[in-house]
Protein backbone atom coordinates (compact mmCIF):
# COMPACT_ATOMS: atom_id res chain seq x y z
CA MET A 1 89.13 121.20 101.82
CA LYS A 2 89.49 118.82 104.73
CA LYS A 3 87.90 115.44 104.13
CA GLU A 4 86.76 114.13 107.50
CA TYR A 5 84.93 111.26 105.85
CA LEU A 6 88.27 109.60 105.05
CA GLN A 7 88.58 108.58 108.70
CA ILE A 8 85.12 106.98 108.91
CA GLY A 9 84.98 103.39 110.07
CA PHE A 10 81.22 102.97 110.24
CA SER A 11 78.09 105.09 110.43
CA GLY A 12 78.41 105.65 114.19
CA ASP A 13 81.58 107.68 113.60
CA LEU A 14 79.56 110.49 112.00
CA SER A 15 78.31 113.26 114.27
CA ASN A 16 75.99 114.81 111.69
CA LYS A 17 72.63 113.04 111.96
CA LYS A 18 71.82 113.40 108.24
CA ASP A 19 75.20 112.02 107.19
CA ARG A 20 74.96 109.22 109.72
CA ARG A 21 71.56 108.17 108.33
CA LEU A 22 72.88 108.25 104.77
CA PHE A 23 75.94 106.17 105.65
CA ARG A 24 73.79 103.70 107.59
CA PHE A 25 71.46 103.40 104.58
CA LEU A 26 74.48 102.60 102.42
CA GLU A 27 75.57 99.94 104.92
CA ILE A 28 72.15 98.31 104.74
CA MET A 29 71.71 98.26 100.98
CA PRO A 30 74.30 95.62 99.87
CA GLY A 31 72.60 93.01 102.06
CA VAL A 32 69.15 94.14 100.95
CA LEU A 33 70.11 93.82 97.28
CA SER A 34 71.69 90.38 97.62
CA LEU A 35 69.11 88.82 99.93
CA GLY A 36 66.32 90.58 98.03
CA THR A 37 67.59 89.10 94.76
CA LEU A 38 67.53 85.57 96.16
CA ALA A 39 64.12 86.03 97.79
CA LEU A 40 62.65 87.51 94.61
CA PHE A 41 64.09 84.62 92.61
CA VAL A 42 62.39 82.08 94.89
CA PHE A 43 59.08 83.96 94.74
CA LEU A 44 59.12 84.31 90.95
CA SER A 45 60.05 80.63 90.55
CA TRP A 46 56.66 79.93 92.07
CA HIS A 47 54.66 82.87 90.68
CA LYS A 48 56.30 83.39 87.28
CA PRO A 49 58.33 80.25 86.52
CA VAL A 50 58.51 80.99 82.78
CA TRP A 51 60.15 84.34 83.47
CA VAL A 52 62.69 82.72 85.74
CA ALA A 53 63.41 79.90 83.30
CA VAL A 54 64.11 82.39 80.50
CA PHE A 55 66.25 84.47 82.85
CA ILE A 56 68.28 81.44 83.90
CA ILE A 57 69.05 80.50 80.30
CA ILE A 58 70.09 84.08 79.49
CA PHE A 59 72.12 84.29 82.72
CA ASP A 60 73.89 81.00 81.95
CA ILE A 61 74.80 82.28 78.49
CA TYR A 62 76.11 85.48 80.08
CA TRP A 63 78.12 83.43 82.60
CA LEU A 64 79.54 81.25 79.81
CA LEU A 65 80.70 84.29 77.85
CA LYS A 66 82.08 85.91 80.99
CA THR A 67 84.00 82.75 81.88
CA LEU A 68 85.60 82.61 78.44
CA PHE A 69 86.31 86.35 78.55
CA LEU A 70 88.02 86.08 81.94
CA SER A 71 89.96 83.02 80.82
CA PHE A 72 91.54 85.04 78.01
CA HIS A 73 92.43 87.76 80.52
CA GLN A 74 93.90 85.14 82.81
CA GLN A 75 96.02 83.74 80.00
CA SER A 76 97.26 87.24 79.14
CA ALA A 77 98.14 87.99 82.77
CA LEU A 78 100.09 84.79 83.28
CA LYS A 79 102.03 85.30 80.05
CA LYS A 80 103.10 88.72 81.34
CA LEU A 81 103.93 87.20 84.72
CA LYS A 82 106.23 84.62 83.10
CA LYS A 83 107.88 87.32 81.02
CA ASN A 84 108.45 89.52 84.07
CA LEU A 85 109.92 86.64 86.05
CA LYS A 86 112.54 86.22 83.31
CA THR A 87 113.27 89.95 82.98
CA ASP A 88 116.52 91.32 84.41
CA TRP A 89 114.99 94.20 86.38
CA ILE A 90 118.32 95.37 87.81
CA LYS A 91 119.58 95.80 84.25
CA LYS A 92 116.48 97.84 83.43
CA LEU A 93 117.00 99.92 86.57
CA ASN A 94 120.57 100.64 85.56
CA GLU A 95 119.16 102.38 82.50
CA LEU A 96 117.52 104.88 84.86
CA SER A 97 119.23 107.52 86.97
CA ASP A 98 119.23 107.73 90.77
CA TRP A 99 117.39 104.46 91.36
CA LYS A 100 119.86 103.60 94.13
CA ASN A 101 118.39 106.48 96.14
CA ILE A 102 115.10 104.62 96.48
CA TYR A 103 114.59 103.04 99.90
CA GLN A 104 112.29 100.10 100.61
CA LEU A 105 110.30 100.39 103.85
CA ILE A 106 108.95 96.89 104.50
CA ILE A 107 106.43 96.35 107.28
CA PHE A 108 105.58 92.85 108.51
CA PRO A 109 102.59 92.97 110.90
CA MET A 110 102.84 89.90 113.14
CA TYR A 111 100.55 88.27 115.69
CA LYS A 112 101.45 84.84 117.13
CA GLU A 113 103.15 83.22 114.15
CA GLY A 114 106.06 80.88 114.85
CA ILE A 115 109.66 81.20 113.71
CA GLU A 116 109.00 78.64 110.94
CA ILE A 117 106.64 81.17 109.31
CA VAL A 118 108.62 84.36 109.95
CA ARG A 119 112.14 83.19 109.09
CA PRO A 120 111.42 82.28 105.43
CA ALA A 121 109.89 85.72 104.86
CA PHE A 122 113.10 87.39 106.03
CA LYS A 123 115.25 84.87 104.21
CA SER A 124 113.51 85.89 100.97
CA LEU A 125 114.49 89.52 101.63
CA ILE A 126 118.12 88.49 102.09
CA ASP A 127 117.99 86.58 98.80
CA SER A 128 116.63 89.62 96.98
CA ASN A 129 118.91 91.18 94.38
CA TYR A 130 118.02 94.71 95.53
CA PRO A 131 120.71 96.45 97.66
CA LEU A 132 120.05 95.48 101.29
CA ASN A 133 121.52 98.76 102.50
CA ASN A 134 118.39 100.39 101.06
CA PHE A 135 116.05 98.25 103.20
CA ILE A 136 114.30 99.59 106.28
CA VAL A 137 112.51 96.57 107.73
CA VAL A 138 109.93 96.71 110.51
CA LEU A 139 108.68 93.65 112.39
CA ALA A 140 105.45 94.94 113.92
CA LEU A 141 104.33 93.03 117.01
CA GLU A 142 101.11 93.21 119.02
CA GLU A 143 101.23 93.73 122.78
CA ARG A 144 98.04 91.68 123.11
CA ALA A 145 99.83 88.66 121.58
CA GLY A 146 101.95 88.13 124.72
CA GLU A 147 105.60 87.16 125.13
CA GLN A 148 106.05 84.41 122.54
CA PRO A 149 106.17 86.80 119.51
CA LYS A 150 108.84 88.88 121.27
CA GLN A 151 111.05 85.81 121.48
CA VAL A 152 110.53 85.17 117.75
CA ALA A 153 111.32 88.82 116.99
CA GLU A 154 114.56 88.68 118.96
CA GLN A 155 115.60 85.53 117.11
CA ILE A 156 114.86 87.24 113.78
CA LYS A 157 116.84 90.29 114.89
CA LYS A 158 119.78 88.08 115.84
CA GLU A 159 119.74 86.28 112.48
CA PHE A 160 118.88 89.10 110.10
CA GLY A 161 118.91 92.46 111.90
CA ASP A 162 122.42 93.48 110.81
CA LYS A 163 121.81 92.56 107.18
CA PHE A 164 119.63 95.61 106.45
CA PHE A 165 120.21 99.36 106.52
CA LYS A 166 117.81 99.61 109.45
CA PHE A 167 115.79 97.02 111.35
CA LEU A 168 113.04 97.92 113.82
CA ILE A 169 110.87 95.93 116.18
CA THR A 170 107.72 97.80 117.15
CA ILE A 171 105.06 96.79 119.67
CA HIS A 172 101.55 98.05 119.03
CA PRO A 173 99.85 98.78 122.40
CA LYS A 174 96.58 97.03 123.09
CA ASP A 175 93.24 98.71 123.80
CA ILE A 176 93.94 102.06 122.13
CA GLN A 177 90.66 103.96 122.13
CA GLY A 178 89.11 104.32 118.69
CA GLU A 179 91.09 101.46 117.17
CA LEU A 180 90.10 98.01 115.97
CA ALA A 181 92.63 95.37 117.02
CA GLY A 182 93.93 94.22 113.67
CA LYS A 183 96.46 94.55 110.89
CA GLY A 184 95.61 98.14 109.92
CA SER A 185 96.13 99.64 113.37
CA ASN A 186 99.34 97.62 113.87
CA GLU A 187 100.97 98.62 110.59
CA THR A 188 99.93 102.26 111.10
CA TRP A 189 101.66 102.26 114.49
CA ALA A 190 104.73 100.69 112.87
CA ALA A 191 104.75 103.16 109.97
CA LYS A 192 104.62 106.12 112.36
CA LYS A 193 107.62 104.73 114.25
CA ALA A 194 109.44 104.28 110.93
CA LYS A 195 108.55 107.85 109.97
CA LYS A 196 110.46 109.17 113.00
CA LEU A 197 113.53 107.23 111.87
CA ILE A 198 113.18 108.42 108.27
CA ASP A 199 112.86 112.01 109.50
CA GLU A 200 116.00 111.63 111.65
CA LEU A 201 117.90 110.27 108.65
CA ASN A 202 116.57 113.14 106.52
CA ILE A 203 115.37 110.78 103.79
CA SER A 204 112.86 112.31 101.39
CA TYR A 205 109.44 110.62 101.55
CA GLU A 206 109.39 110.66 97.74
CA ASN A 207 112.38 108.29 97.81
CA VAL A 208 110.68 105.71 100.02
CA ILE A 209 108.40 102.93 98.81
CA VAL A 210 106.47 101.32 101.64
CA SER A 211 105.35 97.70 101.35
CA SER A 212 102.79 96.18 103.68
CA PHE A 213 103.39 92.42 103.72
CA ASP A 214 101.54 89.65 105.49
CA ILE A 215 103.98 87.88 107.79
CA ASP A 216 104.06 84.79 105.55
CA THR A 217 104.89 86.80 102.41
CA GLN A 218 107.98 85.61 100.59
CA VAL A 219 109.26 87.82 97.78
CA TYR A 220 110.81 86.53 94.58
CA GLU A 221 114.39 87.51 93.88
CA GLN A 222 113.66 90.52 91.67
CA TYR A 223 110.47 91.76 93.32
CA PHE A 224 111.91 95.03 94.67
CA ALA A 225 113.80 95.73 91.46
CA CYS A 226 110.59 95.22 89.50
CA LEU A 227 108.65 97.37 91.99
CA THR A 228 111.22 100.19 91.87
CA TYR A 229 111.28 100.18 88.07
CA HIS A 230 107.49 100.56 87.94
CA TYR A 231 107.66 103.25 90.62
CA LEU A 232 110.19 105.30 88.64
CA THR A 233 108.50 104.86 85.25
CA CYS A 234 104.77 105.06 85.99
CA LYS A 235 102.79 108.21 85.23
CA ASN A 236 102.44 109.46 88.79
CA PRO A 237 104.40 107.36 91.31
CA LEU A 238 103.44 109.50 94.31
CA GLN A 239 99.77 108.84 93.65
CA SER A 240 99.91 105.14 92.84
CA SER A 241 99.73 101.81 94.60
CA PHE A 242 101.63 98.82 93.25
CA GLN A 243 99.96 95.42 93.32
CA PRO A 244 101.77 92.09 92.85
CA ILE A 245 99.97 88.85 92.08
CA PRO A 246 99.34 86.88 95.30
CA MET A 247 100.36 83.26 94.87
CA TYR A 248 99.73 80.83 97.74
CA ASN A 249 102.66 78.58 96.94
CA ASN A 250 104.52 78.39 100.25
CA ASN A 251 102.64 75.27 101.38
CA ILE A 252 100.37 74.55 98.42
CA TRP A 253 101.43 70.88 98.17
CA ASP A 254 100.54 70.26 101.81
CA ALA A 255 97.16 72.04 101.85
CA PRO A 256 93.98 70.00 101.24
CA ALA A 257 92.18 70.27 97.90
CA ILE A 258 89.47 72.70 99.03
CA SER A 259 92.06 75.05 100.48
CA ARG A 260 94.11 74.84 97.29
CA VAL A 261 91.16 75.62 95.04
CA VAL A 262 90.14 78.64 97.13
CA ALA A 263 93.73 79.91 97.26
CA MET A 264 94.40 79.41 93.56
CA GLY A 265 91.03 80.98 92.79
CA ALA A 266 92.22 84.14 94.54
CA THR A 267 95.45 84.03 92.53
CA PHE A 268 93.54 83.71 89.26
CA TRP A 269 91.11 86.49 90.15
CA TYR A 270 93.86 88.97 90.98
CA SER A 271 95.77 87.91 87.89
CA ILE A 272 92.73 88.82 85.82
CA GLN A 273 92.37 92.13 87.66
CA GLN A 274 95.96 92.99 86.71
CA VAL A 275 94.85 93.04 83.08
CA ARG A 276 91.77 95.09 83.98
CA SER A 277 93.84 97.60 85.94
CA GLU A 278 91.09 100.22 85.93
CA ARG A 279 89.26 97.93 88.38
CA LEU A 280 92.31 96.94 90.41
CA ALA A 281 92.30 97.81 94.10
CA THR A 282 95.03 96.77 96.51
CA PHE A 283 94.78 93.38 98.22
CA SER A 284 96.83 91.68 100.92
CA SER A 285 100.53 92.42 100.32
CA HIS A 286 100.96 95.67 98.38
CA SER A 287 103.22 98.71 98.01
CA MET A 288 102.79 102.47 97.64
CA SER A 289 104.54 105.81 97.98
CA PHE A 290 105.43 106.63 101.58
CA LYS A 291 104.64 110.27 100.88
CA ALA A 292 101.07 109.41 99.90
CA LEU A 293 100.72 107.24 103.00
CA VAL A 294 101.90 110.05 105.28
CA ASP A 295 99.82 112.70 103.52
CA MET A 296 96.58 110.76 104.02
CA ASP A 297 97.44 109.78 107.61
CA PHE A 298 98.35 106.11 107.11
CA TRP A 299 96.18 103.01 106.99
CA PRO A 300 92.74 102.95 108.58
CA VAL A 301 92.71 101.85 112.22
CA LYS A 302 88.99 101.05 112.51
CA ASN A 303 88.52 98.54 109.70
CA VAL A 304 89.19 94.89 108.93
CA SER A 305 89.85 95.30 105.18
CA GLU A 306 92.72 97.76 105.51
CA ASP A 307 94.40 96.46 102.35
CA SER A 308 91.60 97.57 100.02
CA ARG A 309 90.44 100.47 102.23
CA ILE A 310 93.79 102.24 101.82
CA PHE A 311 93.27 102.27 98.05
CA TRP A 312 89.77 103.74 98.27
CA LYS A 313 90.94 106.20 100.90
CA ALA A 314 93.72 107.35 98.55
CA TYR A 315 91.34 107.49 95.59
CA LEU A 316 89.04 109.85 97.51
CA PHE A 317 91.95 111.82 99.01
CA TYR A 318 93.34 112.59 95.54
CA ASN A 319 89.90 113.22 94.00
CA GLY A 320 90.12 110.24 91.64
CA ASP A 321 93.67 111.04 90.52
CA TYR A 322 95.05 107.81 91.90
CA GLU A 323 95.61 104.37 90.43
CA SER A 324 96.75 100.88 91.23
CA VAL A 325 99.65 99.84 89.01
CA PRO A 326 99.77 96.11 88.19
CA LEU A 327 103.23 94.59 88.53
CA PHE A 328 102.48 91.26 86.82
CA TYR A 329 104.98 89.90 89.31
CA PRO A 330 104.21 87.48 92.16
CA VAL A 331 104.70 87.29 95.87
CA SER A 332 104.26 83.94 97.59
CA MET A 333 102.12 83.33 100.67
CA ASP A 334 100.51 80.44 102.57
CA ALA A 335 97.38 78.58 101.62
CA ASN A 336 95.12 77.81 104.56
CA LEU A 337 96.42 74.87 106.55
CA ALA A 338 95.60 73.93 110.16
CA HIS A 339 96.40 70.97 112.41
CA SER A 340 93.45 68.96 111.09
CA PHE A 341 91.32 68.79 107.95
CA SER A 342 88.19 69.96 109.77
CA GLN A 343 89.98 72.95 111.29
CA THR A 344 91.43 73.84 107.89
CA ILE A 345 87.92 73.90 106.40
CA ILE A 346 86.70 76.09 109.26
CA ASN A 347 89.66 78.44 108.77
CA VAL A 348 89.05 78.67 105.02
CA PHE A 349 85.45 79.66 105.73
CA LYS A 350 86.52 82.25 108.32
CA GLN A 351 89.14 83.69 106.00
CA GLN A 352 86.66 84.00 103.14
CA THR A 353 84.20 85.69 105.48
CA ARG A 354 86.89 88.18 106.47
CA TRP A 355 87.80 88.81 102.84
CA SER A 356 84.15 89.32 101.91
CA TRP A 357 83.93 91.84 104.76
CA GLY A 358 85.53 94.12 102.21
CA VAL A 359 81.89 95.02 101.55
CA GLU A 360 82.47 97.64 104.27
CA ASN A 361 84.19 99.65 101.53
CA VAL A 362 80.96 99.89 99.52
CA PRO A 363 79.30 102.45 101.84
CA PHE A 364 82.66 104.11 102.53
CA PHE A 365 83.47 104.79 98.89
CA THR A 366 79.88 105.61 97.89
CA PHE A 367 79.53 108.09 100.75
CA GLY A 368 82.91 109.60 99.91
CA ALA A 369 81.98 109.89 96.23
CA ILE A 370 78.82 111.76 97.21
CA LYS A 371 80.74 114.12 99.49
CA ASN A 372 83.72 114.68 97.18
CA LYS A 373 82.80 117.52 94.82
CA LEU A 374 86.13 117.51 92.96
CA MET A 375 86.13 113.93 91.64
CA PRO A 376 84.89 113.59 88.03
CA LEU A 377 81.35 112.19 87.83
CA ARG A 378 82.34 109.45 85.37
CA LYS A 379 84.89 108.11 87.87
CA LYS A 380 82.32 108.16 90.65
CA LEU A 381 79.79 106.24 88.57
CA PHE A 382 82.33 103.77 87.21
CA HIS A 383 83.74 102.72 90.57
CA CYS A 384 80.43 102.85 92.44
CA PHE A 385 78.93 100.49 89.88
CA ASN A 386 81.92 98.15 90.06
CA VAL A 387 82.03 97.88 93.87
CA TRP A 388 78.26 97.42 94.20
CA GLU A 389 78.03 94.92 91.33
CA GLY A 390 81.14 93.06 92.50
CA PHE A 391 79.84 92.31 95.98
CA TRP A 392 76.32 91.59 94.70
CA SER A 393 77.76 89.05 92.23
CA TRP A 394 79.96 87.53 94.94
CA ALA A 395 76.91 86.82 97.09
CA THR A 396 74.42 85.71 94.44
CA ASN A 397 75.88 84.42 91.18
CA SER A 398 77.01 80.94 92.20
CA LEU A 399 73.73 80.31 94.01
CA LEU A 400 71.74 81.36 90.93
CA ILE A 401 73.84 79.19 88.64
CA PHE A 402 74.30 75.98 90.60
CA PHE A 403 71.24 75.77 92.83
CA LEU A 404 68.39 78.22 92.37
CA GLY A 405 68.27 77.71 88.61
CA TRP A 406 66.38 74.50 89.26
CA LEU A 407 63.66 76.08 91.39
CA PRO A 408 61.10 76.62 88.58
CA LEU A 409 60.96 72.84 88.14
CA PHE A 410 60.07 72.37 91.81
CA LEU A 411 57.96 75.43 92.46
CA GLY A 412 56.48 76.16 89.04
CA GLY A 413 53.58 73.75 89.40
CA GLU A 414 52.05 71.27 86.99
CA GLU A 415 51.20 73.87 84.37
CA PHE A 416 54.83 74.90 83.97
CA ASN A 417 56.19 71.36 84.20
CA THR A 418 54.16 70.28 81.16
CA THR A 419 55.77 72.93 78.93
CA ILE A 420 58.60 72.39 76.46
CA LEU A 421 60.57 75.07 78.32
CA SER A 422 60.53 73.08 81.57
CA TYR A 423 61.71 70.01 79.67
CA ASN A 424 64.60 71.87 78.02
CA LEU A 425 65.63 74.05 80.99
CA PRO A 426 67.84 71.49 82.77
CA ARG A 427 69.29 70.25 79.48
CA MET A 428 70.19 73.71 78.24
CA THR A 429 71.61 74.65 81.64
CA ARG A 430 73.68 71.48 81.73
CA LEU A 431 74.99 72.10 78.20
CA LEU A 432 75.95 75.69 78.88
CA MET A 433 77.69 74.82 82.13
CA THR A 434 79.54 71.96 80.42
CA ILE A 435 80.86 74.37 77.80
CA ALA A 436 81.80 76.76 80.60
CA MET A 437 83.95 73.96 81.99
CA ILE A 438 86.47 75.01 79.34
CA GLY A 439 87.39 77.73 81.79
CA LEU A 440 87.97 75.08 84.44
CA VAL A 441 90.22 73.09 82.12
CA LEU A 442 92.27 76.22 81.42
CA SER A 443 92.45 76.94 85.15
CA ALA A 444 93.75 73.44 85.83
CA PHE A 445 96.35 73.80 83.07
CA TYR A 446 97.58 77.17 84.35
CA ALA A 447 97.57 75.94 87.95
CA LEU A 448 100.00 73.14 87.09
CA LYS A 449 102.36 75.63 85.45
CA LEU A 450 102.35 77.87 88.52
CA LEU A 451 103.09 75.12 91.03
CA PRO A 452 106.44 75.13 92.81
CA PRO A 453 108.58 71.96 92.52
CA ARG A 454 106.89 68.88 93.96
CA PRO A 455 108.32 67.86 97.35
CA LYS A 456 109.96 64.44 97.30
CA LYS A 457 107.53 63.15 99.93
CA TYR A 458 104.75 63.25 97.29
CA THR A 459 104.64 60.96 94.25
CA SER A 460 103.81 62.12 90.75
CA LYS A 461 100.23 60.89 91.33
CA LYS A 462 99.69 64.09 93.30
CA TYR A 463 99.46 65.94 89.98
CA ILE A 464 96.28 64.02 89.19
CA PHE A 465 94.62 65.39 92.30
CA MET A 466 95.87 68.87 91.40
CA ILE A 467 93.80 68.59 88.21
CA LEU A 468 90.74 66.81 89.63
CA GLN A 469 90.47 69.36 92.45
CA TRP A 470 88.89 71.86 90.05
CA MET A 471 85.74 69.76 90.05
CA LEU A 472 85.17 71.29 93.48
CA ILE A 473 84.54 74.72 91.96
CA PRO A 474 80.72 74.65 92.36
CA LEU A 475 81.19 73.71 96.02
CA THR A 476 83.89 76.27 96.77
CA MET A 477 82.14 79.09 94.90
CA THR A 478 79.00 78.54 96.95
CA ILE A 479 80.04 77.36 100.42
CA PHE A 480 83.30 79.34 100.52
CA GLY A 481 82.17 82.20 98.29
CA ALA A 482 78.51 83.15 98.25
CA ILE A 483 77.66 82.09 101.81
CA PRO A 484 80.52 84.02 103.49
CA ALA A 485 79.62 87.03 101.34
CA LEU A 486 75.97 86.81 102.42
CA ILE A 487 77.05 86.53 106.06
CA SER A 488 79.22 89.63 105.76
CA GLN A 489 76.56 91.65 103.99
CA THR A 490 73.90 90.57 106.47
CA ARG A 491 76.12 91.56 109.40
CA LEU A 492 76.78 94.95 107.84
CA MET A 493 73.06 95.37 107.18
CA LEU A 494 72.26 94.61 110.84
CA GLY A 495 75.12 96.74 112.18
CA LYS A 496 76.91 93.68 113.62
CA TYR A 497 80.37 94.87 112.62
CA MET A 498 83.13 92.30 112.27
CA GLY A 499 86.40 92.22 114.18
CA PHE A 500 89.72 91.13 112.72
CA TRP A 501 90.26 87.37 112.63
CA VAL A 502 93.92 86.33 112.26
CA THR A 503 94.38 83.42 109.87
CA THR A 504 96.21 80.54 111.55
CA LYS A 505 99.40 79.66 109.66
CA LYS A 506 101.00 76.25 109.77
CA ARG A 507 103.75 74.48 107.86
CA LYS A 508 104.30 70.74 107.64
């Protein structure tokens, strides 16, 4: 059965009026739930302050337990990461047969990044211990970016082009009808060009692993050996994605504290998700079977969040018989850094808004789950609950914890403020949040262990700021977490669909 809904960008892509109304309803509901929750909380703080006070205490206890629970998962993930970094993956591959027949198709979508960003990414490939004559590398340019990227591409070709089995430079045409200008449409164009080469070379799609890497992605020495081992030993390699842990270490010492906290927060979250692999969708740089990519007609060309959309597209395409395999192995990328502190803060906010635009996958997957009659009901319910709850929590939890929890004291009136509950509410909240700071202490400890060597231009005092920066968590969770999520959900609710914003990359 053909699944036309896999190609949907937004509700307007549906010709059937009933389906279009259903999809539009699903686009509206995430914003309604999040904004409705906050509005109801404000109203009840005035009308039923006792209810809200009790809820806040229960919610803080829940958040405390969740923080400790996630901290244990984080510890487990990072232990496995350290173990995998020390593992000789080539030795493990040599225990398997025919691993040298596996080719790595690596696609680097590029916009206007300079040579100082692109060269280290390619240098990391050269330093890889995987056979370079099994690498097919594509540097995917955008026509709309102008001439400067072409000059960078030619320099990269001159320096590295002859080091790989095959090296391609592709140029994605601008203004293709039905496409959103962004990473997904660029890498799809590049992958189709690579497919022609693979067909000419008569290489089996089953023997090709395709990796979509952000242009600043630097791989660790044994990344491809680790990836290939998991590909050859997992339950169903042709119906699996492979997710490394994103670490924003390339320029972490140069980035300001807020940028570091946001970046490391993403690292910790995706470390935790590696342990909870049943919830793990692909994010940023990821890998998958080239056969699966071809079978489902490549990455989406109409969406911003192509990295996670490709996972949900595959999950629907294979009727729930698809998984994301955690590698417990890192790739290194850039933390947000611009030419000034103020511009860095603006860029962090824009990046978080783009990431939270992943809410576009909520209506996509829910609609697909409704339409797909072959997927088991338990899988539909499990993932629908997780994607809806995840984006609702992203937009509301930090606001409820750090700000709105105090509203009953201000709106509850004199009758409530004379109760024992009103007296104890701020004290209990403060106590619970103080205990929850254990999670912050653990985060600071793990963050220090994950840092790359300190550049000589910084003194050892810099470590102090690397610890104290975690005091910014309430600020970053709200201003760079909940607010961008609310903006994205409100835009989706109003049908003001987002375009792709390219994160500015800078190195000192």
